[in-house]
PDB file of N, CA and C in Angstrom:
ATOM      1  N   MET A   1     -48.228 -20.985  58.955  1.00  0.00           N
ATOM      2  CA  MET A   1     -47.437 -21.674  57.965  1.00  0.00           C
ATOM      3  C   MET A   1     -48.339 -22.380  56.951  1.00  0.00           C
ATOM      4  N   ALA A   2     -49.390 -22.993  57.429  1.00  0.00           N
ATOM      5  CA  ALA A   2     -50.291 -23.682  56.504  1.00  0.00           C
ATOM      6  C   ALA A   2     -50.933 -22.706  55.542  1.00  0.00           C
ATOM      7  N   ARG A   3     -51.251 -21.520  56.014  1.00  0.00           N
ATOM      8  CA  ARG A   3     -51.875 -20.521  55.148  1.00  0.00           C
ATOM      9  C   ARG A   3     -50.928 -20.157  54.009  1.00  0.00           C
ATOM     10  N   GLY A   4     -49.662 -19.948  54.300  1.00  0.00           N
ATOM     11  CA  GLY A   4     -48.686 -19.640  53.260  1.00  0.00           C
ATOM     12  C   GLY A   4     -48.544 -20.776  52.271  1.00  0.00           C
ATOM     13  N   PHE A   5     -48.554 -22.002  52.754  1.00  0.00           N
ATOM     14  CA  PHE A   5     -48.452 -23.169  51.876  1.00  0.00           C
ATOM     15  C   PHE A   5     -49.642 -23.229  50.937  1.00  0.00           C
ATOM     16  N   GLU A   6     -50.835 -22.961  51.479  1.00  0.00           N
ATOM     17  CA  GLU A   6     -52.033 -22.977  50.638  1.00  0.00           C
ATOM     18  C   GLU A   6     -51.974 -21.867  49.594  1.00  0.00           C
ATOM     19  N   SER A   7     -51.477 -20.703  49.997  1.00  0.00           N
ATOM     20  CA  SER A   7     -51.347 -19.603  49.051  1.00  0.00           C
ATOM     21  C   SER A   7     -50.395 -19.971  47.928  1.00  0.00           C
ATOM     22  N   LYS A   8     -49.318 -20.647  48.262  1.00  0.00           N
ATOM     23  CA  LYS A   8     -48.359 -21.088  47.247  1.00  0.00           C
ATOM     24  C   LYS A   8     -49.020 -22.075  46.295  1.00  0.00           C
ATOM     25  N   ALA A   9     -49.810 -22.980  46.825  1.00  0.00           N
ATOM     26  CA  ALA A   9     -50.497 -23.951  45.979  1.00  0.00           C
ATOM     27  C   ALA A   9     -51.460 -23.249  45.028  1.00  0.00           C
ATOM     28  N   VAL A  10     -52.157 -22.240  45.524  1.00  0.00           N
ATOM     29  CA  VAL A  10     -53.076 -21.476  44.678  1.00  0.00           C
ATOM     30  C   VAL A  10     -52.281 -20.754  43.598  1.00  0.00           C
ATOM     31  N   SER A  11     -51.175 -20.181  43.990  1.00  0.00           N
ATOM     32  CA  SER A  11     -50.322 -19.482  43.025  1.00  0.00           C
ATOM     33  C   SER A  11     -49.828 -20.437  41.948  1.00  0.00           C
ATOM     34  N   ASP A  12     -49.403 -21.619  42.353  1.00  0.00           N
ATOM     35  CA  ASP A  12     -48.945 -22.627  41.385  1.00  0.00           C
ATOM     36  C   ASP A  12     -50.064 -23.019  40.428  1.00  0.00           C
ATOM     37  N   GLN A  13     -51.262 -23.178  40.942  1.00  0.00           N
ATOM     38  CA  GLN A  13     -52.394 -23.539  40.097  1.00  0.00           C
ATOM     39  C   GLN A  13     -52.699 -22.429  39.094  1.00  0.00           C
ATOM     40  N   GLN A  14     -52.590 -21.186  39.536  1.00  0.00           N
ATOM     41  CA  GLN A  14     -52.845 -20.071  38.632  1.00  0.00           C
ATOM     42  C   GLN A  14     -51.792 -20.011  37.527  1.00  0.00           C
ATOM     43  N   GLU A  15     -50.539 -20.273  37.884  1.00  0.00           N
ATOM     44  CA  GLU A  15     -49.476 -20.280  36.875  1.00  0.00           C
ATOM     45  C   GLU A  15     -49.708 -21.390  35.852  1.00  0.00           C
ATOM     46  N   GLU A  16     -50.142 -22.548  36.317  1.00  0.00           N
ATOM     47  CA  GLU A  16     -50.435 -23.658  35.410  1.00  0.00           C
ATOM     48  C   GLU A  16     -51.545 -23.263  34.433  1.00  0.00           C
ATOM     49  N   ALA A  17     -52.558 -22.589  34.955  1.00  0.00           N
ATOM     50  CA  ALA A  17     -53.680 -22.184  34.106  1.00  0.00           C
ATOM     51  C   ALA A  17     -53.225 -21.169  33.061  1.00  0.00           C
ATOM     52  N   GLN A  18     -52.322 -20.293  33.431  1.00  0.00           N
ATOM     53  CA  GLN A  18     -51.835 -19.279  32.502  1.00  0.00           C
ATOM     54  C   GLN A  18     -50.947 -19.888  31.411  1.00  0.00           C
ATOM     55  N   ARG A  19     -50.333 -21.002  31.697  1.00  0.00           N
ATOM     56  CA  ARG A  19     -49.486 -21.665  30.713  1.00  0.00           C
ATOM     57  C   ARG A  19     -50.296 -22.449  29.691  1.00  0.00           C
ATOM     58  N   GLY A  20     -51.596 -22.388  29.781  1.00  0.00           N
ATOM     59  CA  GLY A  20     -52.440 -23.046  28.793  1.00  0.00           C
ATOM     60  C   GLY A  20     -52.969 -24.399  29.227  1.00  0.00           C
ATOM     61  N   LYS A  21     -52.625 -24.848  30.391  1.00  0.00           N
ATOM     62  CA  LYS A  21     -53.121 -26.133  30.877  1.00  0.00           C
ATOM     63  C   LYS A  21     -54.534 -25.925  31.418  1.00  0.00           C
ATOM     64  N   PRO A  22     -55.459 -26.738  31.024  1.00  0.00           N
ATOM     65  CA  PRO A  22     -56.827 -26.571  31.517  1.00  0.00           C
ATOM     66  C   PRO A  22     -56.892 -26.620  33.045  1.00  0.00           C
ATOM     67  N   ALA A  23     -57.734 -25.764  33.612  1.00  0.00           N
ATOM     68  CA  ALA A  23     -57.850 -25.666  35.066  1.00  0.00           C
ATOM     69  C   ALA A  23     -58.280 -26.993  35.688  1.00  0.00           C
ATOM     70  N   ARG A  24     -59.135 -27.709  34.990  1.00  0.00           N
ATOM     71  CA  ARG A  24     -59.609 -28.983  35.525  1.00  0.00           C
ATOM     72  C   ARG A  24     -58.447 -29.963  35.679  1.00  0.00           C
ATOM     73  N   THR A  25     -57.571 -30.017  34.692  1.00  0.00           N
ATOM     74  CA  THR A  25     -56.416 -30.913  34.751  1.00  0.00           C
ATOM     75  C   THR A  25     -55.467 -30.484  35.861  1.00  0.00           C
ATOM     76  N   ALA A  26     -55.258 -29.185  35.998  1.00  0.00           N
ATOM     77  CA  ALA A  26     -54.381 -28.680  37.051  1.00  0.00           C
ATOM     78  C   ALA A  26     -54.940 -29.035  38.428  1.00  0.00           C
ATOM     79  N   ALA A  27     -56.229 -28.887  38.607  1.00  0.00           N
ATOM     80  CA  ALA A  27     -56.842 -29.230  39.890  1.00  0.00           C
ATOM     81  C   ALA A  27     -56.740 -30.724  40.163  1.00  0.00           C
ATOM     82  N   ARG A  28     -56.954 -31.527  39.117  1.00  0.00           N
ATOM     83  CA  ARG A  28     -56.851 -32.975  39.269  1.00  0.00           C
ATOM     84  C   ARG A  28     -55.412 -33.369  39.630  1.00  0.00           C
ATOM     85  N   ASP A  29     -54.442 -32.727  39.003  1.00  0.00           N
ATOM     86  CA  ASP A  29     -53.041 -32.990  39.319  1.00  0.00           C
ATOM     87  C   ASP A  29     -52.707 -32.614  40.758  1.00  0.00           C
ATOM     88  N   ALA A  30     -53.246 -31.488  41.209  1.00  0.00           N
ATOM     89  CA  ALA A  30     -52.995 -31.049  42.578  1.00  0.00           C
ATOM     90  C   ALA A  30     -53.568 -32.050  43.577  1.00  0.00           C
ATOM     91  N   VAL A  31     -54.745 -32.544  43.307  1.00  0.00           N
ATOM     92  CA  VAL A  31     -55.362 -33.545  44.197  1.00  0.00           C
ATOM     93  C   VAL A  31     -54.523 -34.822  44.198  1.00  0.00           C
ATOM     94  N   ALA A  32     -54.069 -35.247  43.036  1.00  0.00           N
ATOM     95  CA  ALA A  32     -53.257 -36.462  42.937  1.00  0.00           C
ATOM     96  C   ALA A  32     -51.956 -36.298  43.706  1.00  0.00           C
ATOM     97  N   GLN A  33     -51.341 -35.125  43.605  1.00  0.00           N
ATOM     98  CA  GLN A  33     -50.091 -34.885  44.334  1.00  0.00           C
ATOM     99  C   GLN A  33     -50.322 -34.886  45.839  1.00  0.00           C
ATOM    100  N   ARG A  34     -51.411 -34.264  46.282  1.00  0.00           N
ATOM    101  CA  ARG A  34     -51.717 -34.263  47.716  1.00  0.00           C
ATOM    102  C   ARG A  34     -51.992 -35.680  48.213  1.00  0.00           C
ATOM    103  N   THR A  35     -52.712 -36.448  47.423  1.00  0.00           N
ATOM    104  CA  THR A  35     -53.016 -37.827  47.808  1.00  0.00           C
ATOM    105  C   THR A  35     -51.731 -38.634  47.925  1.00  0.00           C
ATOM    106  N   ARG A  36     -50.853 -38.501  46.931  1.00  0.00           N
ATOM    107  CA  ARG A  36     -49.587 -39.232  46.971  1.00  0.00           C
ATOM    108  C   ARG A  36     -48.760 -38.818  48.187  1.00  0.00           C
ATOM    109  N   ARG A  37     -48.703 -37.523  48.463  1.00  0.00           N
ATOM    110  CA  ARG A  37     -47.933 -37.043  49.611  1.00  0.00           C
ATOM    111  C   ARG A  37     -48.516 -37.583  50.913  1.00  0.00           C
ATOM    112  N   THR A  38     -49.818 -37.644  51.018  1.00  0.00           N
ATOM    113  CA  THR A  38     -50.465 -38.202  52.202  1.00  0.00           C
ATOM    114  C   THR A  38     -50.087 -39.672  52.383  1.00  0.00           C
ATOM    115  N   LEU A  39     -50.097 -40.421  51.283  1.00  0.00           N
ATOM    116  CA  LEU A  39     -49.709 -41.833  51.353  1.00  0.00           C
ATOM    117  C   LEU A  39     -48.245 -41.977  51.774  1.00  0.00           C
ATOM    118  N   GLU A  40     -47.382 -41.109  51.247  1.00  0.00           N
ATOM    119  CA  GLU A  40     -45.957 -41.172  51.608  1.00  0.00           C
ATOM    120  C   GLU A  40     -45.747 -40.858  53.086  1.00  0.00           C
ATOM    121  N   LEU A  41     -46.452 -39.870  53.594  1.00  0.00           N
ATOM    122  CA  LEU A  41     -46.326 -39.534  55.012  1.00  0.00           C
ATOM    123  C   LEU A  41     -46.858 -40.657  55.897  1.00  0.00           C
ATOM    124  N   ALA A  42     -47.946 -41.272  55.482  1.00  0.00           N
ATOM    125  CA  ALA A  42     -48.487 -42.408  56.238  1.00  0.00           C
ATOM    126  C   ALA A  42     -47.502 -43.566  56.232  1.00  0.00           C
ATOM    127  N   GLN A  43     -46.846 -43.781  55.102  1.00  0.00           N
ATOM    128  CA  GLN A  43     -45.857 -44.855  54.995  1.00  0.00           C
ATOM    129  C   GLN A  43     -44.698 -44.612  55.969  1.00  0.00           C
ATOM    130  N   VAL A  44     -44.215 -43.396  56.039  1.00  0.00           N
ATOM    131  CA  VAL A  44     -43.130 -43.058  56.966  1.00  0.00           C
ATOM    132  C   VAL A  44     -43.577 -43.297  58.403  1.00  0.00           C
ATOM    133  N   ASP A  45     -44.800 -42.877  58.721  1.00  0.00           N
ATOM    134  CA  ASP A  45     -45.314 -43.050  60.074  1.00  0.00           C
ATOM    135  C   ASP A  45     -45.432 -44.528  60.441  1.00  0.00           C
ATOM    136  N   VAL A  46     -45.979 -45.325  59.536  1.00  0.00           N
ATOM    137  CA  VAL A  46     -46.139 -46.758  59.818  1.00  0.00           C
ATOM    138  C   VAL A  46     -44.771 -47.426  59.960  1.00  0.00           C
ATOM    139  N   CYS A  47     -43.813 -47.044  59.132  1.00  0.00           N
ATOM    140  CA  CYS A  47     -42.458 -47.610  59.249  1.00  0.00           C
ATOM    141  C   CYS A  47     -41.850 -47.296  60.614  1.00  0.00           C
ATOM    142  N   ARG A  48     -42.016 -46.059  61.055  1.00  0.00           N
ATOM    143  CA  ARG A  48     -41.494 -45.647  62.356  1.00  0.00           C
ATOM    144  C   ARG A  48     -42.156 -46.440  63.474  1.00  0.00           C
ATOM    145  N   ARG A  49     -43.470 -46.571  63.393  1.00  0.00           N
ATOM    146  CA  ARG A  49     -44.192 -47.320  64.427  1.00  0.00           C
ATOM    147  C   ARG A  49     -43.846 -48.798  64.384  1.00  0.00           C
ATOM    148  N   LEU A  50     -43.632 -49.345  63.205  1.00  0.00           N
ATOM    149  CA  LEU A  50     -43.275 -50.751  63.055  1.00  0.00           C
ATOM    150  C   LEU A  50     -41.914 -51.028  63.678  1.00  0.00           C
ATOM    151  N   ALA A  51     -40.979 -50.105  63.486  1.00  0.00           N
ATOM    152  CA  ALA A  51     -39.644 -50.284  64.052  1.00  0.00           C
ATOM    153  C   ALA A  51     -39.664 -50.294  65.575  1.00  0.00           C
ATOM    154  N   ALA A  52     -40.604 -49.574  66.164  1.00  0.00           N
ATOM    155  CA  ALA A  52     -40.684 -49.487  67.622  1.00  0.00           C
ATOM    156  C   ALA A  52     -41.644 -50.501  68.243  1.00  0.00           C
ATOM    157  N   ALA A  53     -42.405 -51.197  67.422  1.00  0.00           N
ATOM    158  CA  ALA A  53     -43.433 -52.105  67.947  1.00  0.00           C
ATOM    159  C   ALA A  53     -42.825 -53.399  68.473  1.00  0.00           C
ATOM    160  N   PRO A  54     -43.370 -53.886  69.565  1.00  0.00           N
ATOM    161  CA  PRO A  54     -42.942 -55.198  70.036  1.00  0.00           C
ATOM    162  C   PRO A  54     -43.477 -56.276  69.087  1.00  0.00           C
ATOM    163  N   SER A  55     -42.959 -57.446  69.192  1.00  0.00           N
ATOM    164  CA  SER A  55     -43.446 -58.517  68.318  1.00  0.00           C
ATOM    165  C   SER A  55     -44.892 -58.847  68.669  1.00  0.00           C
ATOM    166  N   GLY A  56     -45.580 -59.450  67.720  1.00  0.00           N
ATOM    167  CA  GLY A  56     -46.944 -59.861  67.991  1.00  0.00           C
ATOM    168  C   GLY A  56     -47.954 -59.284  67.026  1.00  0.00           C
ATOM    169  N   ALA A  57     -49.169 -59.212  67.518  1.00  0.00           N
ATOM    170  CA  ALA A  57     -50.285 -58.802  66.674  1.00  0.00           C
ATOM    171  C   ALA A  57     -50.131 -57.368  66.157  1.00  0.00           C
ATOM    172  N   LEU A  58     -49.594 -56.476  66.966  1.00  0.00           N
ATOM    173  CA  LEU A  58     -49.412 -55.095  66.524  1.00  0.00           C
ATOM    174  C   LEU A  58     -48.457 -55.025  65.338  1.00  0.00           C
ATOM    175  N   ARG A  59     -47.369 -55.750  65.398  1.00  0.00           N
ATOM    176  CA  ARG A  59     -46.411 -55.775  64.290  1.00  0.00           C
ATOM    177  C   ARG A  59     -47.067 -56.306  63.014  1.00  0.00           C
ATOM    178  N   GLN A  60     -47.865 -57.351  63.164  1.00  0.00           N
ATOM    179  CA  GLN A  60     -48.547 -57.913  61.990  1.00  0.00           C
ATOM    180  C   GLN A  60     -49.512 -56.901  61.375  1.00  0.00           C
ATOM    181  N   THR A  61     -50.242 -56.207  62.221  1.00  0.00           N
ATOM    182  CA  THR A  61     -51.184 -55.203  61.743  1.00  0.00           C
ATOM    183  C   THR A  61     -50.443 -54.064  61.035  1.00  0.00           C
ATOM    184  N   LEU A  62     -49.364 -53.608  61.641  1.00  0.00           N
ATOM    185  CA  LEU A  62     -48.586 -52.534  61.026  1.00  0.00           C
ATOM    186  C   LEU A  62     -47.956 -52.981  59.710  1.00  0.00           C
ATOM    187  N   GLN A  63     -47.506 -54.216  59.646  1.00  0.00           N
ATOM    188  CA  GLN A  63     -46.913 -54.722  58.408  1.00  0.00           C
ATOM    189  C   GLN A  63     -47.954 -54.793  57.298  1.00  0.00           C
ATOM    190  N   ARG A  64     -49.159 -55.216  57.644  1.00  0.00           N
ATOM    191  CA  ARG A  64     -50.234 -55.235  56.643  1.00  0.00           C
ATOM    192  C   ARG A  64     -50.558 -53.822  56.162  1.00  0.00           C
ATOM    193  N   ALA A  65     -50.566 -52.881  57.100  1.00  0.00           N
ATOM    194  CA  ALA A  65     -50.827 -51.487  56.734  1.00  0.00           C
ATOM    195  C   ALA A  65     -49.726 -50.967  55.813  1.00  0.00           C
ATOM    196  N   LEU A  66     -48.485 -51.286  56.120  1.00  0.00           N
ATOM    197  CA  LEU A  66     -47.359 -50.873  55.288  1.00  0.00           C
ATOM    198  C   LEU A  66     -47.451 -51.494  53.899  1.00  0.00           C
ATOM    199  N   ASP A  67     -47.789 -52.758  53.837  1.00  0.00           N
ATOM    200  CA  ASP A  67     -47.943 -53.435  52.539  1.00  0.00           C
ATOM    201  C   ASP A  67     -49.028 -52.756  51.697  1.00  0.00           C
ATOM    202  N   GLU A  68     -50.116 -52.384  52.336  1.00  0.00           N
ATOM    203  CA  GLU A  68     -51.215 -51.721  51.620  1.00  0.00           C
ATOM    204  C   GLU A  68     -50.804 -50.336  51.128  1.00  0.00           C
ATOM    205  N   LEU A  69     -50.100 -49.597  51.961  1.00  0.00           N
ATOM    206  CA  LEU A  69     -49.636 -48.273  51.539  1.00  0.00           C
ATOM    207  C   LEU A  69     -48.672 -48.390  50.355  1.00  0.00           C
ATOM    208  N   GLU A  70     -47.788 -49.368  50.406  1.00  0.00           N
ATOM    209  CA  GLU A  70     -46.852 -49.572  49.303  1.00  0.00           C
ATOM    210  C   GLU A  70     -47.591 -49.974  48.030  1.00  0.00           C
ATOM    211  N   ARG A  71     -48.638 -50.763  48.168  1.00  0.00           N
ATOM    212  CA  ARG A  71     -49.438 -51.148  47.005  1.00  0.00           C
ATOM    213  C   ARG A  71     -50.103 -49.928  46.384  1.00  0.00           C
ATOM    214  N   GLN A  72     -50.672 -49.080  47.248  1.00  0.00           N
ATOM    215  CA  GLN A  72     -51.332 -47.881  46.755  1.00  0.00           C
ATOM    216  C   GLN A  72     -50.342 -46.928  46.079  1.00  0.00           C
ATOM    217  N   LEU A  73     -49.166 -46.790  46.657  1.00  0.00           N
ATOM    218  CA  LEU A  73     -48.143 -45.920  46.052  1.00  0.00           C
ATOM    219  C   LEU A  73     -47.671 -46.482  44.713  1.00  0.00           C
ATOM    220  N   ALA A  74     -47.543 -47.784  44.609  1.00  0.00           N
ATOM    221  CA  ALA A  74     -47.117 -48.397  43.363  1.00  0.00           C
ATOM    222  C   ALA A  74     -48.169 -48.214  42.260  1.00  0.00           C
ATOM    223  N   ALA A  75     -49.417 -48.112  42.652  1.00  0.00           N
ATOM    224  CA  ALA A  75     -50.495 -47.917  41.693  1.00  0.00           C
ATOM    225  C   ALA A  75     -50.562 -46.474  41.190  1.00  0.00           C
ATOM    226  N   ARG A  76     -49.788 -45.571  41.781  1.00  0.00           N
ATOM    227  CA  ARG A  76     -49.777 -44.153  41.426  1.00  0.00           C
ATOM    228  C   ARG A  76     -48.380 -43.722  40.997  1.00  0.00           C
ATOM    229  N   PRO A  77     -47.823 -44.312  39.966  1.00  0.00           N
ATOM    230  CA  PRO A  77     -46.424 -44.018  39.625  1.00  0.00           C
ATOM    231  C   PRO A  77     -46.180 -42.600  39.137  1.00  0.00           C
ATOM    232  N   GLY A  78     -47.138 -41.989  38.462  1.00  0.00           N
ATOM    233  CA  GLY A  78     -46.877 -40.694  37.845  1.00  0.00           C
ATOM    234  C   GLY A  78     -47.390 -39.499  38.612  1.00  0.00           C
ATOM    235  N   ASP A  79     -47.926 -39.694  39.795  1.00  0.00           N
ATOM    236  CA  ASP A  79     -48.509 -38.559  40.524  1.00  0.00           C
ATOM    237  C   ASP A  79     -47.464 -37.578  40.949  1.00  0.00           C
TER     238      ASP A  79
END
């Protein structure tokens, strides 16, 4: 499945290049999208773990992690 996903990403990049968009910009956009998606997945994971965590130091640590992920996502509005 991952191989097919990567092939699709390559195909999308090639289509972008054919539409006149510089390859460097397309590659930079792809990296930005992957980074944003990684942050979003981490946010979901931390939220899930926070909901299941008992009170105490673990909850505080997870909340700080969630706050940081939200800060990073807010800094990337157009990705």
